[in-house]
Amino acid sequence: MKFVRVRTHGGISIISAFIDGIGGAFSIDLPLTVTVREGTCDREMKISEDLRRSLSIGTCFRFSVESRIPSGYGLKSSSAYILALAKGMAVYSGKEIDDLDLLRSAAEVSKMSGFSITGALDDLCQAMYGGYCLTDNRKMRILRHGMIPNFAVLVCADGNKRSSGNLKIDGHYVNSIRSVENLAFSGRIFDAAVANGLVYGSIFGLNLNVINRMLRNGSMYSSQSGKGPAIFGIFRNRSSAIKARSDIGFGIVTKINNQGIRYWKYDS
């Protein structure tokens, strides 16, 4: 039986785009895999229907998802999912679609489906290319992307989940977020991610205890991933990340991911 399997990855916010539309994210090695098969139109899920219409694909689909990304914690699970599904549908149908067109279609459906207010082009971009991405989510443009050092990462996903589809931010945060953007565009990716987490942590809440435990166990950088509530720590080596996890009592030890989207097509 013909099917397509696509793998993407979760990520961590560098700049959250809710304030002025400029966004950024870097990829971590938490994979999500979507398996796509032909299905019947009367039983097709709405997300699949919306994507194939955006991509001008006639075939109806069914699919399954396997994920190591905790959902609802600011770790880009929705973007990894939507992009993997869109790519699987395109590959299955044999349709050649430019990367940016695929990203824009996924962003459009992300907004339609209520997964994101901005379309999350930054999150989709890191899932497409790995490494880091900086984007203009209002103009749907990729501003910069590239690879980053392959450090160990500890992610602690705890607390109440926070949806990106219905966030409301009151107040004038433009100056603070522009400072975050300046750090990111000067190449200080991890510094920007820390500052961004502090800005959004001041709005939505921040687990300072977990950050403190990461720092005292040798984390070079630690903050919240955007709106959170997940806390991340960047470590020089895996053993330090494992030690921090033991001290905190929970978490996922992983690493930076510089690998882009991958897919496998099976005809039998």
Protein backbone atom coordinates (compact mmCIF):
# COMPACT_ATOMS: atom_id res chain seq x y z
CA MET A 1 0.00 0.00 0.00
CA LYS A 2 1.33 3.42 -0.96
CA PHE A 3 2.15 5.84 1.86
CA VAL A 4 4.50 8.72 2.73
CA ARG A 5 6.27 9.29 6.04
CA VAL A 6 7.54 12.78 6.96
CA ARG A 7 9.67 13.82 9.93
CA THR A 8 9.97 17.34 11.35
CA HIS A 9 11.14 18.66 14.73
CA GLY A 10 10.00 20.88 17.55
CA GLY A 11 11.72 24.09 18.52
CA ILE A 12 12.25 26.95 20.96
CA SER A 13 11.34 30.60 20.48
CA ILE A 14 14.01 33.17 19.68
CA ILE A 15 11.52 36.00 19.07
CA SER A 16 7.79 35.54 19.61
CA ALA A 17 5.92 37.32 16.81
CA PHE A 18 2.79 38.33 18.73
CA ILE A 19 3.89 41.96 19.28
CA ASP A 20 5.17 43.22 15.91
CA GLY A 21 5.16 40.22 13.57
CA ILE A 22 8.91 39.55 13.61
CA GLY A 23 9.52 36.00 14.75
CA GLY A 24 12.31 33.52 15.28
CA ALA A 25 12.82 29.95 16.47
CA PHE A 26 15.57 27.36 16.66
CA SER A 27 15.15 23.62 16.21
CA ILE A 28 15.67 20.92 18.84
CA ASP A 29 15.88 17.17 18.40
CA LEU A 30 12.31 16.32 19.42
CA PRO A 31 10.90 14.60 16.31
CA LEU A 32 7.36 14.40 15.02
CA THR A 33 6.44 11.93 12.27
CA VAL A 34 3.31 12.01 10.12
CA THR A 35 2.32 9.04 7.94
CA VAL A 36 0.01 9.95 5.05
CA ARG A 37 -2.20 7.59 3.04
CA GLU A 38 -5.04 8.07 0.57
CA GLY A 39 -8.41 8.18 2.28
CA THR A 40 -12.07 8.82 1.59
CA CYS A 41 -13.38 12.38 1.39
CA ASP A 42 -16.37 11.68 3.64
CA ARG A 43 -14.05 10.69 6.52
CA GLU A 44 -11.26 13.22 5.96
CA MET A 45 -10.21 15.43 8.86
CA LYS A 46 -10.74 19.18 8.41
CA ILE A 47 -7.04 20.02 8.75
CA SER A 48 -6.25 17.70 5.85
CA GLU A 49 -9.08 19.13 3.77
CA ASP A 50 -7.94 22.71 4.43
CA LEU A 51 -4.34 21.92 3.53
CA ARG A 52 -5.10 20.11 0.27
CA ARG A 53 -7.38 22.95 -0.84
CA SER A 54 -4.66 25.49 -0.06
CA LEU A 55 -2.16 23.34 -1.99
CA SER A 56 -4.62 22.62 -4.84
CA ILE A 57 -4.44 18.84 -4.31
CA GLY A 58 -7.46 16.74 -5.27
CA THR A 59 -6.72 13.53 -3.37
CA CYS A 60 -8.37 13.02 0.03
CA PHE A 61 -6.14 11.74 2.83
CA ARG A 62 -5.98 9.93 6.12
CA PHE A 63 -2.94 10.13 8.38
CA SER A 64 -1.41 9.21 11.72
CA VAL A 65 0.98 11.14 13.98
CA GLU A 66 3.80 10.06 16.29
CA SER A 67 5.37 12.83 18.36
CA ARG A 68 7.95 13.38 21.09
CA ILE A 69 7.06 17.08 21.32
CA PRO A 70 4.96 18.00 24.38
CA SER A 71 1.99 19.93 22.97
CA GLY A 72 0.72 23.24 24.32
CA TYR A 73 4.00 24.24 26.01
CA GLY A 74 5.54 26.58 23.41
CA LEU A 75 7.71 23.92 21.75
CA LYS A 76 6.29 24.27 18.20
CA SER A 77 4.35 21.00 18.07
CA SER A 78 1.51 22.48 15.98
CA SER A 79 3.87 23.86 13.34
CA ALA A 80 5.84 20.61 13.15
CA TYR A 81 2.55 18.75 12.70
CA ILE A 82 1.03 21.02 10.04
CA LEU A 83 4.24 21.20 7.99
CA ALA A 84 4.79 17.43 8.09
CA LEU A 85 1.22 16.83 6.98
CA ALA A 86 1.44 19.39 4.17
CA LYS A 87 4.73 17.93 2.90
CA GLY A 88 3.39 14.38 3.08
CA MET A 89 0.33 15.31 1.04
CA ALA A 90 2.44 17.08 -1.59
CA VAL A 91 4.89 14.17 -1.89
CA TYR A 92 2.10 11.59 -2.02
CA SER A 93 0.34 13.45 -4.84
CA GLY A 94 3.60 14.00 -6.76
CA LYS A 95 3.12 17.77 -6.70
CA GLU A 96 6.27 19.89 -6.81
CA ILE A 97 5.78 22.79 -4.40
CA ASP A 98 8.40 25.41 -3.63
CA ASP A 99 9.51 25.48 0.03
CA LEU A 100 8.23 29.02 0.62
CA ASP A 101 4.88 28.26 -1.01
CA LEU A 102 4.52 25.18 1.19
CA LEU A 103 5.41 27.23 4.29
CA ARG A 104 2.94 29.95 3.37
CA SER A 105 0.13 27.44 2.82
CA ALA A 106 0.90 25.81 6.17
CA ALA A 107 0.90 29.24 7.85
CA GLU A 108 -2.45 30.12 6.27
CA VAL A 109 -4.02 26.89 7.51
CA SER A 110 -2.41 27.36 10.94
CA LYS A 111 -4.31 30.65 11.28
CA MET A 112 -7.53 29.21 9.85
CA SER A 113 -7.41 26.29 12.28
CA GLY A 114 -6.76 28.46 15.33
CA PHE A 115 -3.30 27.04 16.02
CA SER A 116 -1.64 30.44 15.66
CA ILE A 117 -2.58 34.12 15.49
CA THR A 118 0.41 35.02 13.30
CA GLY A 119 0.63 31.87 11.15
CA ALA A 120 3.91 31.00 12.91
CA LEU A 121 6.10 31.19 9.80
CA ASP A 122 9.14 31.25 12.11
CA ASP A 123 8.14 27.98 13.77
CA LEU A 124 7.33 26.38 10.42
CA CYS A 125 10.66 27.58 9.00
CA GLN A 126 12.73 25.93 11.74
CA ALA A 127 10.75 22.72 11.15
CA MET A 128 11.53 22.97 7.44
CA TYR A 129 15.27 23.76 7.63
CA GLY A 130 16.47 22.95 11.16
CA GLY A 131 18.94 25.33 12.81
CA TYR A 132 17.45 28.76 13.36
CA CYS A 133 15.06 30.97 11.40
CA LEU A 134 14.15 34.67 11.64
CA THR A 135 11.02 35.74 9.76
CA ASP A 136 8.54 38.52 9.09
CA ASN A 137 5.25 36.78 9.80
CA ARG A 138 3.10 39.65 8.56
CA LYS A 139 4.76 39.82 5.14
CA MET A 140 5.35 36.04 5.09
CA ARG A 141 9.08 36.45 4.42
CA ILE A 142 12.10 34.47 5.64
CA LEU A 143 14.67 37.03 6.74
CA ARG A 144 17.50 34.73 7.80
CA HIS A 145 18.19 31.08 8.56
CA GLY A 146 21.25 29.02 9.33
CA MET A 147 22.92 26.43 11.55
CA ILE A 148 23.82 26.82 15.22
CA PRO A 149 26.19 24.93 17.57
CA ASN A 150 25.10 21.40 18.43
CA PHE A 151 24.73 21.97 22.19
CA ALA A 152 22.78 19.76 24.58
CA VAL A 153 19.34 21.02 25.56
CA LEU A 154 17.14 20.31 28.57
CA VAL A 155 13.44 21.07 28.18
CA CYS A 156 11.11 21.11 31.18
CA ALA A 157 7.45 21.22 30.14
CA ASP A 158 5.29 21.77 33.20
CA GLY A 159 2.30 23.86 34.27
CA ASN A 160 -0.88 24.81 32.44
CA LYS A 161 -0.77 24.60 28.65
CA ARG A 162 -1.01 27.88 26.75
CA SER A 163 -2.65 28.12 23.33
CA SER A 164 -1.12 30.40 20.68
CA GLY A 165 -4.45 30.81 18.92
CA ASN A 166 -6.13 33.10 21.42
CA LEU A 167 -3.40 35.12 23.13
CA LYS A 168 -4.11 38.72 24.10
CA ILE A 169 -1.30 41.10 25.06
CA ASP A 170 -2.15 44.42 26.68
CA GLY A 171 0.54 47.08 26.96
CA HIS A 172 3.34 48.68 24.96
CA TYR A 173 6.06 46.05 24.60
CA VAL A 174 7.48 47.21 21.27
CA ASN A 175 10.69 48.69 22.71
CA SER A 176 11.49 45.55 24.70
CA ILE A 177 10.86 43.21 21.78
CA ARG A 178 12.95 45.40 19.44
CA SER A 179 15.87 44.86 21.82
CA VAL A 180 15.30 41.11 21.49
CA GLU A 181 15.25 41.46 17.70
CA ASN A 182 18.53 43.40 17.75
CA LEU A 183 20.19 40.56 19.65
CA ALA A 184 18.87 37.96 17.19
CA PHE A 185 19.85 39.82 14.05
CA SER A 186 23.34 40.48 15.43
CA GLY A 187 23.79 36.70 15.66
CA ARG A 188 23.26 36.35 19.41
CA ILE A 189 20.57 33.71 18.98
CA PHE A 190 20.60 32.22 22.48
CA ASP A 191 20.83 35.63 24.17
CA ALA A 192 17.75 36.68 22.20
CA ALA A 193 15.88 33.52 23.22
CA VAL A 194 16.64 34.24 26.89
CA ALA A 195 15.53 37.89 26.64
CA ASN A 196 12.40 36.93 24.71
CA GLY A 197 11.44 34.41 27.39
CA LEU A 198 11.84 37.06 30.09
CA VAL A 199 9.61 39.52 28.20
CA TYR A 200 6.84 36.97 27.73
CA GLY A 201 7.40 35.49 31.16
CA SER A 202 6.65 38.92 32.64
CA ILE A 203 3.30 38.79 30.83
CA PHE A 204 2.22 35.16 31.25
CA GLY A 205 4.27 33.96 34.21
CA LEU A 206 7.68 32.31 34.52
CA ASN A 207 9.06 29.37 36.54
CA LEU A 208 12.15 30.99 38.03
CA ASN A 209 12.85 27.96 40.23
CA VAL A 210 13.46 25.72 37.21
CA ILE A 211 15.60 28.39 35.54
CA ASN A 212 17.67 28.74 38.72
CA ARG A 213 18.23 25.00 38.93
CA MET A 214 19.35 24.88 35.29
CA LEU A 215 21.80 27.75 35.81
CA ARG A 216 23.31 26.33 39.02
CA ASN A 217 23.87 23.03 37.20
CA GLY A 218 25.92 24.69 34.50
CA SER A 219 23.44 25.88 31.88
CA MET A 220 24.95 28.57 29.64
CA TYR A 221 21.49 29.93 28.80
CA SER A 222 18.10 29.30 30.37
CA SER A 223 14.71 30.93 29.96
CA GLN A 224 11.14 30.27 28.91
CA SER A 225 10.32 29.30 25.34
CA GLY A 226 8.26 32.30 24.26
CA LYS A 227 4.84 32.31 25.89
CA GLY A 228 5.77 29.05 27.62
CA PRO A 229 5.31 27.49 29.96
CA ALA A 230 8.21 25.21 28.89
CA ILE A 231 11.63 26.18 30.26
CA PHE A 232 14.79 25.40 28.29
CA GLY A 233 18.45 25.20 29.20
CA ILE A 234 21.41 25.15 26.81
CA PHE A 235 24.38 23.06 28.04
CA ARG A 236 27.86 22.42 26.64
CA ASN A 237 27.45 18.67 27.05
CA ARG A 238 24.80 16.05 27.64
CA SER A 239 26.11 14.97 31.05
CA SER A 240 25.50 18.46 32.48
CA ALA A 241 21.96 18.44 31.09
CA ILE A 242 21.32 15.02 32.65
CA LYS A 243 22.63 16.28 36.00
CA ALA A 244 20.29 19.29 35.83
CA ARG A 245 17.33 17.05 35.01
CA SER A 246 18.13 14.92 38.05
CA ASP A 247 18.18 18.02 40.25
CA ILE A 248 14.93 19.40 38.83
CA GLY A 249 13.21 16.02 38.92
CA PHE A 250 11.78 15.99 35.40
CA GLY A 251 12.53 17.09 31.84
CA ILE A 252 13.64 15.90 28.41
CA VAL A 253 17.34 15.85 27.53
CA THR A 254 17.86 16.46 23.84
CA LYS A 255 20.11 18.63 21.62
CA ILE A 256 20.09 21.31 18.95
CA ASN A 257 18.82 20.01 15.62
CA ASN A 258 20.35 21.29 12.37
CA GLN A 259 18.61 18.75 10.14
CA GLY A 260 15.70 19.89 8.01
CA ILE A 261 12.50 18.09 7.09
CA ARG A 262 12.90 14.52 5.79
CA TYR A 263 10.48 12.23 4.01
CA TRP A 264 10.26 8.65 2.77
CA LYS A 265 7.90 7.43 0.04
CA TYR A 266 6.72 3.80 -0.03
CA ASP A 267 4.86 2.27 -2.96
CA SER A 268 4.01 -1.08 -1.41
